[in-house]
Amino acid sequence: FSLPLLYPFVRKNLKQIHLIDMLLMFFSGVF
């Protein structure tokens, strides 16, 4: 239920993320 509320704030920044940060966010989500 939080994802639709977060998406408008996130979508503009998605293309600017480096691979290492994507990996960190992946692991943060798993944790």
PDB file of all heavy atoms in Angstrom:
ATOM      1  N   PHE A   1       0.810  -1.215   0.000  1.00  0.00           N
ATOM      2  CA  PHE A   1       0.000   0.000   0.000  1.00  0.00           C
ATOM      3  C   PHE A   1       0.849   1.273   0.000  1.00  0.00           C
ATOM      4  O   PHE A   1       0.361   2.345  -0.350  1.00  0.00           O
ATOM      5  CB  PHE A   1      -0.973   0.012   1.172  1.00  0.00           C
ATOM      6  CG  PHE A   1      -2.039  -1.053   1.069  1.00  0.00           C
ATOM      7  CD1 PHE A   1      -2.530  -1.671   2.207  1.00  0.00           C
ATOM      8  CD2 PHE A   1      -2.545  -1.449  -0.159  1.00  0.00           C
ATOM      9  CE1 PHE A   1      -3.514  -2.654   2.115  1.00  0.00           C
ATOM     10  CE2 PHE A   1      -3.521  -2.418  -0.263  1.00  0.00           C
ATOM     11  CZ  PHE A   1      -4.009  -3.025   0.881  1.00  0.00           C
ATOM     12  N   SER A   2       2.111   1.153   0.381  1.00  0.00           N
ATOM     13  CA  SER A   2       2.966   2.341   0.385  1.00  0.00           C
ATOM     14  C   SER A   2       3.535   2.645  -1.007  1.00  0.00           C
ATOM     15  O   SER A   2       3.853   3.797  -1.302  1.00  0.00           O
ATOM     16  CB  SER A   2       4.115   2.172   1.372  1.00  0.00           C
ATOM     17  OG  SER A   2       5.040   1.212   0.908  1.00  0.00           O
ATOM     18  N   LEU A   3       3.659   1.633  -1.848  1.00  0.00           N
ATOM     19  CA  LEU A   3       4.311   1.835  -3.150  1.00  0.00           C
ATOM     20  C   LEU A   3       3.618   2.857  -4.052  1.00  0.00           C
ATOM     21  O   LEU A   3       4.294   3.715  -4.621  1.00  0.00           O
ATOM     22  CB  LEU A   3       4.483   0.496  -3.872  1.00  0.00           C
ATOM     23  CG  LEU A   3       5.591  -0.387  -3.304  1.00  0.00           C
ATOM     24  CD1 LEU A   3       5.613  -1.738  -4.000  1.00  0.00           C
ATOM     25  CD2 LEU A   3       6.936   0.297  -3.404  1.00  0.00           C
ATOM     26  N   PRO A   4       2.300   2.809  -4.213  1.00  0.00           N
ATOM     27  CA  PRO A   4       1.678   3.835  -5.065  1.00  0.00           C
ATOM     28  C   PRO A   4       1.863   5.257  -4.527  1.00  0.00           C
ATOM     29  O   PRO A   4       1.922   6.215  -5.294  1.00  0.00           O
ATOM     30  CB  PRO A   4       0.193   3.467  -5.069  1.00  0.00           C
ATOM     31  CG  PRO A   4       0.132   2.050  -4.641  1.00  0.00           C
ATOM     32  CD  PRO A   4       1.323   1.815  -3.774  1.00  0.00           C
ATOM     33  N   LEU A   5       1.988   5.381  -3.218  1.00  0.00           N
ATOM     34  CA  LEU A   5       2.215   6.694  -2.624  1.00  0.00           C
ATOM     35  C   LEU A   5       3.648   7.174  -2.855  1.00  0.00           C
ATOM     36  O   LEU A   5       3.903   8.370  -2.966  1.00  0.00           O
ATOM     37  CB  LEU A   5       1.916   6.651  -1.123  1.00  0.00           C
ATOM     38  CG  LEU A   5       0.481   6.279  -0.742  1.00  0.00           C
ATOM     39  CD1 LEU A   5       0.367   6.094   0.756  1.00  0.00           C
ATOM     40  CD2 LEU A   5      -0.496   7.314  -1.243  1.00  0.00           C
ATOM     41  N   LEU A   6       4.591   6.243  -2.938  1.00  0.00           N
ATOM     42  CA  LEU A   6       5.996   6.593  -3.128  1.00  0.00           C
ATOM     43  C   LEU A   6       6.352   6.866  -4.585  1.00  0.00           C
ATOM     44  O   LEU A   6       7.231   7.672  -4.870  1.00  0.00           O
ATOM     45  CB  LEU A   6       6.891   5.464  -2.597  1.00  0.00           C
ATOM     46  CG  LEU A   6       6.916   5.260  -1.090  1.00  0.00           C
ATOM     47  CD1 LEU A   6       7.620   3.952  -0.742  1.00  0.00           C
ATOM     48  CD2 LEU A   6       7.610   6.422  -0.420  1.00  0.00           C
ATOM     49  N   TYR A   7       5.690   6.191  -5.500  1.00  0.00           N
ATOM     50  CA  TYR A   7       6.085   6.247  -6.910  1.00  0.00           C
ATOM     51  C   TYR A   7       6.189   7.669  -7.480  1.00  0.00           C
ATOM     52  O   TYR A   7       7.182   7.981  -8.138  1.00  0.00           O
ATOM     53  CB  TYR A   7       5.150   5.397  -7.770  1.00  0.00           C
ATOM     54  CG  TYR A   7       5.529   5.439  -9.230  1.00  0.00           C
ATOM     55  CD1 TYR A   7       6.666   4.777  -9.684  1.00  0.00           C
ATOM     56  CD2 TYR A   7       4.775   6.165 -10.147  1.00  0.00           C
ATOM     57  CE1 TYR A   7       7.032   4.833 -11.015  1.00  0.00           C
ATOM     58  CE2 TYR A   7       5.137   6.229 -11.479  1.00  0.00           C
ATOM     59  CZ  TYR A   7       6.266   5.563 -11.913  1.00  0.00           C
ATOM     60  OH  TYR A   7       6.631   5.627 -13.224  1.00  0.00           O
ATOM     61  N   PRO A   8       5.222   8.553  -7.266  1.00  0.00           N
ATOM     62  CA  PRO A   8       5.352   9.902  -7.840  1.00  0.00           C
ATOM     63  C   PRO A   8       6.609  10.649  -7.385  1.00  0.00           C
ATOM     64  O   PRO A   8       7.141  11.473  -8.122  1.00  0.00           O
ATOM     65  CB  PRO A   8       4.090  10.633  -7.361  1.00  0.00           C
ATOM     66  CG  PRO A   8       3.129   9.566  -7.011  1.00  0.00           C
ATOM     67  CD  PRO A   8       3.944   8.398  -6.569  1.00  0.00           C
ATOM     68  N   PHE A   9       7.089  10.339  -6.200  1.00  0.00           N
ATOM     69  CA  PHE A   9       8.277  11.015  -5.683  1.00  0.00           C
ATOM     70  C   PHE A   9       9.572  10.415  -6.218  1.00  0.00           C
ATOM     71  O   PHE A   9      10.615  11.038  -6.171  1.00  0.00           O
ATOM     72  CB  PHE A   9       8.294  10.952  -4.148  1.00  0.00           C
ATOM     73  CG  PHE A   9       7.120  11.636  -3.519  1.00  0.00           C
ATOM     74  CD1 PHE A   9       6.075  10.901  -2.992  1.00  0.00           C
ATOM     75  CD2 PHE A   9       7.059  13.018  -3.458  1.00  0.00           C
ATOM     76  CE1 PHE A   9       4.982  11.529  -2.407  1.00  0.00           C
ATOM     77  CE2 PHE A   9       5.976  13.656  -2.877  1.00  0.00           C
ATOM     78  CZ  PHE A   9       4.934  12.907  -2.354  1.00  0.00           C
ATOM     79  N   VAL A  10       9.499   9.189  -6.711  1.00  0.00           N
ATOM     80  CA  VAL A  10      10.690   8.437  -7.093  1.00  0.00           C
ATOM     81  C   VAL A  10      10.948   8.442  -8.590  1.00  0.00           C
ATOM     82  O   VAL A  10      12.087   8.458  -9.039  1.00  0.00           O
ATOM     83  CB  VAL A  10      10.559   6.978  -6.586  1.00  0.00           C
ATOM     84  CG1 VAL A  10      11.690   6.116  -7.088  1.00  0.00           C
ATOM     85  CG2 VAL A  10      10.483   6.951  -5.079  1.00  0.00           C
ATOM     86  N   ARG A  11       9.917   8.461  -9.385  1.00  0.00           N
ATOM     87  CA  ARG A  11      10.041   8.185 -10.828  1.00  0.00           C
ATOM     88  C   ARG A  11      11.018   9.102 -11.556  1.00  0.00           C
ATOM     89  O   ARG A  11      11.693   8.671 -12.476  1.00  0.00           O
ATOM     90  CB  ARG A  11       8.672   8.198 -11.499  1.00  0.00           C
ATOM     91  CG  ARG A  11       7.972   9.519 -11.515  1.00  0.00           C
ATOM     92  CD  ARG A  11       6.569   9.365 -12.154  1.00  0.00           C
ATOM     93  NE  ARG A  11       5.787  10.528 -11.876  1.00  0.00           N
ATOM     94  CZ  ARG A  11       5.694  11.576 -12.681  1.00  0.00           C
ATOM     95  NH1 ARG A  11       6.323  11.565 -13.825  1.00  0.00           N
ATOM     96  NH2 ARG A  11       4.968  12.611 -12.343  1.00  0.00           N
ATOM     97  N   LYS A  12      11.139  10.336 -11.150  1.00  0.00           N
ATOM     98  CA  LYS A  12      12.045  11.267 -11.837  1.00  0.00           C
ATOM     99  C   LYS A  12      13.523  10.935 -11.612  1.00  0.00           C
ATOM    100  O   LYS A  12      14.363  11.271 -12.430  1.00  0.00           O
ATOM    101  CB  LYS A  12      11.780  12.699 -11.377  1.00  0.00           C
ATOM    102  CG  LYS A  12      10.434  13.225 -11.805  1.00  0.00           C
ATOM    103  CD  LYS A  12      10.207  14.624 -11.290  1.00  0.00           C
ATOM    104  CE  LYS A  12       8.811  15.089 -11.663  1.00  0.00           C
ATOM    105  NZ  LYS A  12       8.500  16.404 -11.109  1.00  0.00           N
ATOM    106  N   ASN A  13      13.834  10.293 -10.514  1.00  0.00           N
ATOM    107  CA  ASN A  13      15.225  10.020 -10.156  1.00  0.00           C
ATOM    108  C   ASN A  13      15.722   8.643 -10.591  1.00  0.00           C
ATOM    109  O   ASN A  13      16.898   8.340 -10.431  1.00  0.00           O
ATOM    110  CB  ASN A  13      15.400  10.131  -8.634  1.00  0.00           C
ATOM    111  CG  ASN A  13      15.036  11.496  -8.115  1.00  0.00           C
ATOM    112  OD1 ASN A  13      13.895  11.713  -7.735  1.00  0.00           O
ATOM    113  ND2 ASN A  13      15.986  12.398  -8.103  1.00  0.00           N
ATOM    114  N   LEU A  14      14.858   7.802 -11.123  1.00  0.00           N
ATOM    115  CA  LEU A  14      15.228   6.413 -11.394  1.00  0.00           C
ATOM    116  C   LEU A  14      16.363   6.264 -12.403  1.00  0.00           C
ATOM    117  O   LEU A  14      17.186   5.362 -12.281  1.00  0.00           O
ATOM    118  CB  LEU A  14      14.008   5.618 -11.866  1.00  0.00           C
ATOM    119  CG  LEU A  14      12.932   5.397 -10.809  1.00  0.00           C
ATOM    120  CD1 LEU A  14      11.739   4.670 -11.406  1.00  0.00           C
ATOM    121  CD2 LEU A  14      13.492   4.629  -9.626  1.00  0.00           C
ATOM    122  N   LYS A  15      16.431   7.130 -13.401  1.00  0.00           N
ATOM    123  CA  LYS A  15      17.445   6.999 -14.445  1.00  0.00           C
ATOM    124  C   LYS A  15      18.825   7.468 -14.001  1.00  0.00           C
ATOM    125  O   LYS A  15      19.811   7.221 -14.685  1.00  0.00           O
ATOM    126  CB  LYS A  15      17.007   7.771 -15.689  1.00  0.00           C
ATOM    127  CG  LYS A  15      15.776   7.190 -16.332  1.00  0.00           C
ATOM    128  CD  LYS A  15      15.343   8.000 -17.533  1.00  0.00           C
ATOM    129  CE  LYS A  15      14.037   7.422 -18.082  1.00  0.00           C
ATOM    130  NZ  LYS A  15      13.493   8.239 -19.149  1.00  0.00           N
ATOM    131  N   GLN A  16      18.910   8.142 -12.875  1.00  0.00           N
ATOM    132  CA  GLN A  16      20.170   8.737 -12.428  1.00  0.00           C
ATOM    133  C   GLN A  16      20.926   7.850 -11.431  1.00  0.00           C
ATOM    134  O   GLN A  16      21.934   8.271 -10.884  1.00  0.00           O
ATOM    135  CB  GLN A  16      19.893  10.090 -11.775  1.00  0.00           C
ATOM    136  CG  GLN A  16      19.156  11.044 -12.671  1.00  0.00           C
ATOM    137  CD  GLN A  16      18.593  12.228 -11.894  1.00  0.00           C
ATOM    138  OE1 GLN A  16      18.689  12.289 -10.684  1.00  0.00           O
ATOM    139  NE2 GLN A  16      17.999  13.164 -12.611  1.00  0.00           N
ATOM    140  N   ILE A  17      20.474   6.633 -11.209  1.00  0.00           N
ATOM    141  CA  ILE A  17      21.049   5.792 -10.170  1.00  0.00           C
ATOM    142  C   ILE A  17      22.127   4.879 -10.758  1.00  0.00           C
ATOM    143  O   ILE A  17      21.918   4.234 -11.780  1.00  0.00           O
ATOM    144  CB  ILE A  17      19.951   4.964  -9.483  1.00  0.00           C
ATOM    145  CG1 ILE A  17      18.919   5.910  -8.886  1.00  0.00           C
ATOM    146  CG2 ILE A  17      20.554   4.083  -8.411  1.00  0.00           C
ATOM    147  CD1 ILE A  17      17.688   5.238  -8.416  1.00  0.00           C
ATOM    148  N   HIS A  18      23.270   4.839 -10.104  1.00  0.00           N
ATOM    149  CA  HIS A  18      24.378   3.999 -10.547  1.00  0.00           C
ATOM    150  C   HIS A  18      24.157   2.547 -10.102  1.00  0.00           C
ATOM    151  O   HIS A  18      23.397   2.281  -9.169  1.00  0.00           O
ATOM    152  CB  HIS A  18      25.695   4.521  -9.977  1.00  0.00           C
ATOM    153  CG  HIS A  18      26.049   5.867 -10.516  1.00  0.00           C
ATOM    154  ND1 HIS A  18      25.666   7.026  -9.901  1.00  0.00           N
ATOM    155  CD2 HIS A  18      26.734   6.227 -11.627  1.00  0.00           C
ATOM    156  CE1 HIS A  18      26.105   8.063 -10.589  1.00  0.00           C
ATOM    157  NE2 HIS A  18      26.754   7.609 -11.651  1.00  0.00           N
ATOM    158  N   LEU A  19      24.862   1.636 -10.744  1.00  0.00           N
ATOM    159  CA  LEU A  19      24.712   0.207 -10.485  1.00  0.00           C
ATOM    160  C   LEU A  19      25.014  -0.150  -9.030  1.00  0.00           C
ATOM    161  O   LEU A  19      24.271  -0.910  -8.414  1.00  0.00           O
ATOM    162  CB  LEU A  19      25.614  -0.601 -11.427  1.00  0.00           C
ATOM    163  CG  LEU A  19      25.552  -2.109 -11.256  1.00  0.00           C
ATOM    164  CD1 LEU A  19      24.137  -2.622 -11.542  1.00  0.00           C
ATOM    165  CD2 LEU A  19      26.554  -2.786 -12.171  1.00  0.00           C
ATOM    166  N   ILE A  20      26.060   0.408  -8.463  1.00  0.00           N
ATOM    167  CA  ILE A  20      26.424   0.085  -7.078  1.00  0.00           C
ATOM    168  C   ILE A  20      25.309   0.510  -6.119  1.00  0.00           C
ATOM    169  O   ILE A  20      24.991  -0.200  -5.172  1.00  0.00           O
ATOM    170  CB  ILE A  20      27.786   0.703  -6.666  1.00  0.00           C
ATOM    171  CG1 ILE A  20      28.223   0.183  -5.296  1.00  0.00           C
ATOM    172  CG2 ILE A  20      27.734   2.211  -6.646  1.00  0.00           C
ATOM    173  CD1 ILE A  20      28.688  -1.225  -5.300  1.00  0.00           C
ATOM    174  N   ASP A  21      24.692   1.650  -6.399  1.00  0.00           N
ATOM    175  CA  ASP A  21      23.586   2.103  -5.558  1.00  0.00           C
ATOM    176  C   ASP A  21      22.353   1.229  -5.742  1.00  0.00           C
ATOM    177  O   ASP A  21      21.618   0.974  -4.796  1.00  0.00           O
ATOM    178  CB  ASP A  21      23.267   3.566  -5.843  1.00  0.00           C
ATOM    179  CG  ASP A  21      24.403   4.482  -5.421  1.00  0.00           C
ATOM    180  OD1 ASP A  21      25.047   4.186  -4.394  1.00  0.00           O
ATOM    181  OD2 ASP A  21      24.666   5.472  -6.127  1.00  0.00           O
ATOM    182  N   MET A  22      22.141   0.759  -6.962  1.00  0.00           N
ATOM    183  CA  MET A  22      21.026  -0.177  -7.206  1.00  0.00           C
ATOM    184  C   MET A  22      21.236  -1.459  -6.400  1.00  0.00           C
ATOM    185  O   MET A  22      20.289  -1.984  -5.812  1.00  0.00           O
ATOM    186  CB  MET A  22      20.915  -0.522  -8.693  1.00  0.00           C
ATOM    187  CG  MET A  22      20.345   0.595  -9.509  1.00  0.00           C
ATOM    188  SD  MET A  22      18.614   0.801  -9.154  1.00  0.00           S
ATOM    189  CE  MET A  22      17.975   0.769 -10.787  1.00  0.00           C
ATOM    190  N   LEU A  23      22.477  -1.936  -6.361  1.00  0.00           N
ATOM    191  CA  LEU A  23      22.786  -3.138  -5.574  1.00  0.00           C
ATOM    192  C   LEU A  23      22.560  -2.896  -4.085  1.00  0.00           C
ATOM    193  O   LEU A  23      22.000  -3.742  -3.390  1.00  0.00           O
ATOM    194  CB  LEU A  23      24.221  -3.593  -5.824  1.00  0.00           C
ATOM    195  CG  LEU A  23      24.487  -4.292  -7.137  1.00  0.00           C
ATOM    196  CD1 LEU A  23      25.981  -4.496  -7.356  1.00  0.00           C
ATOM    197  CD2 LEU A  23      23.753  -5.618  -7.196  1.00  0.00           C
ATOM    198  N   LEU A  24      22.995  -1.734  -3.606  1.00  0.00           N
ATOM    199  CA  LEU A  24      22.777  -1.410  -2.190  1.00  0.00           C
ATOM    200  C   LEU A  24      21.287  -1.345  -1.864  1.00  0.00           C
ATOM    201  O   LEU A  24      20.850  -1.831  -0.821  1.00  0.00           O
ATOM    202  CB  LEU A  24      23.462  -0.093  -1.834  1.00  0.00           C
ATOM    203  CG  LEU A  24      24.973  -0.135  -1.700  1.00  0.00           C
ATOM    204  CD1 LEU A  24      25.544   1.268  -1.574  1.00  0.00           C
ATOM    205  CD2 LEU A  24      25.391  -0.987  -0.516  1.00  0.00           C
ATOM    206  N   MET A  25      20.507  -0.756  -2.771  1.00  0.00           N
ATOM    207  CA  MET A  25      19.059  -0.672  -2.540  1.00  0.00           C
ATOM    208  C   MET A  25      18.409  -2.049  -2.646  1.00  0.00           C
ATOM    209  O   MET A  25      17.451  -2.341  -1.925  1.00  0.00           O
ATOM    210  CB  MET A  25      18.427   0.324  -3.494  1.00  0.00           C
ATOM    211  CG  MET A  25      18.746   1.752  -3.081  1.00  0.00           C
ATOM    212  SD  MET A  25      18.023   2.971  -4.156  1.00  0.00           S
ATOM    213  CE  MET A  25      19.299   3.080  -5.396  1.00  0.00           C
ATOM    214  N   PHE A  26      18.939  -2.898  -3.531  1.00  0.00           N
ATOM    215  CA  PHE A  26      18.434  -4.263  -3.624  1.00  0.00           C
ATOM    216  C   PHE A  26      18.644  -4.981  -2.290  1.00  0.00           C
ATOM    217  O   PHE A  26      17.713  -5.566  -1.736  1.00  0.00           O
ATOM    218  CB  PHE A  26      19.125  -5.031  -4.762  1.00  0.00           C
ATOM    219  CG  PHE A  26      18.771  -6.486  -4.780  1.00  0.00           C
ATOM    220  CD1 PHE A  26      17.569  -6.908  -5.340  1.00  0.00           C
ATOM    221  CD2 PHE A  26      19.614  -7.433  -4.223  1.00  0.00           C
ATOM    222  CE1 PHE A  26      17.220  -8.250  -5.342  1.00  0.00           C
ATOM    223  CE2 PHE A  26      19.282  -8.777  -4.224  1.00  0.00           C
ATOM    224  CZ  PHE A  26      18.080  -9.185  -4.788  1.00  0.00           C
ATOM    225  N   PHE A  27      19.879  -4.921  -1.768  1.00  0.00           N
ATOM    226  CA  PHE A  27      20.157  -5.589  -0.500  1.00  0.00           C
ATOM    227  C   PHE A  27      19.397  -4.946   0.661  1.00  0.00           C
ATOM    228  O   PHE A  27      18.941  -5.647   1.564  1.00  0.00           O
ATOM    229  CB  PHE A  27      21.661  -5.626  -0.220  1.00  0.00           C
ATOM    230  CG  PHE A  27      22.369  -6.656  -1.040  1.00  0.00           C
ATOM    231  CD1 PHE A  27      23.253  -6.262  -2.030  1.00  0.00           C
ATOM    232  CD2 PHE A  27      22.137  -8.010  -0.852  1.00  0.00           C
ATOM    233  CE1 PHE A  27      23.897  -7.213  -2.806  1.00  0.00           C
ATOM    234  CE2 PHE A  27      22.780  -8.962  -1.625  1.00  0.00           C
ATOM    235  CZ  PHE A  27      23.662  -8.570  -2.612  1.00  0.00           C
ATOM    236  N   SER A  28      19.235  -3.636   0.623  1.00  0.00           N
ATOM    237  CA  SER A  28      18.459  -2.989   1.689  1.00  0.00           C
ATOM    238  C   SER A  28      17.019  -3.502   1.672  1.00  0.00           C
ATOM    239  O   SER A  28      16.431  -3.732   2.724  1.00  0.00           O
ATOM    240  CB  SER A  28      18.502  -1.467   1.567  1.00  0.00           C
ATOM    241  OG  SER A  28      17.702  -0.999   0.509  1.00  0.00           O
ATOM    242  N   GLY A  29      16.465  -3.716   0.475  1.00  0.00           N
ATOM    243  CA  GLY A  29      15.111  -4.257   0.374  1.00  0.00           C
ATOM    244  C   GLY A  29      15.012  -5.681   0.888  1.00  0.00           C
ATOM    245  O   GLY A  29      14.053  -6.052   1.567  1.00  0.00           O
ATOM    246  N   VAL A  30      16.022  -6.488   0.576  1.00  0.00           N
ATOM    247  CA  VAL A  30      16.048  -7.870   1.078  1.00  0.00           C
ATOM    248  C   VAL A  30      16.146  -7.869   2.603  1.00  0.00           C
ATOM    249  O   VAL A  30      15.416  -8.604   3.285  1.00  0.00           O
ATOM    250  CB  VAL A  30      17.223  -8.662   0.452  1.00  0.00           C
ATOM    251  CG1 VAL A  30      17.415 -10.009   1.134  1.00  0.00           C
ATOM    252  CG2 VAL A  30      17.007  -8.850  -1.052  1.00  0.00           C
ATOM    253  N   PHE A  31      17.033  -7.029   3.140  1.00  0.00           N
ATOM    254  CA  PHE A  31      17.197  -6.965   4.597  1.00  0.00           C
ATOM    255  C   PHE A  31      15.921  -6.467   5.276  1.00  0.00           C
ATOM    256  O   PHE A  31      15.539  -6.973   6.332  1.00  0.00           O
ATOM    257  CB  PHE A  31      18.377  -6.073   4.976  1.00  0.00           C
ATOM    258  CG  PHE A  31      19.712  -6.606   4.532  1.00  0.00           C
ATOM    259  CD1 PHE A  31      20.691  -5.739   4.079  1.00  0.00           C
ATOM    260  CD2 PHE A  31      19.990  -7.965   4.557  1.00  0.00           C
ATOM    261  CE1 PHE A  31      21.929  -6.221   3.666  1.00  0.00           C
ATOM    262  CE2 PHE A  31      21.221  -8.458   4.137  1.00  0.00           C
ATOM    263  CZ  PHE A  31      22.198  -7.574   3.689  1.00  0.00           C
TER     264      PHE A  31
END
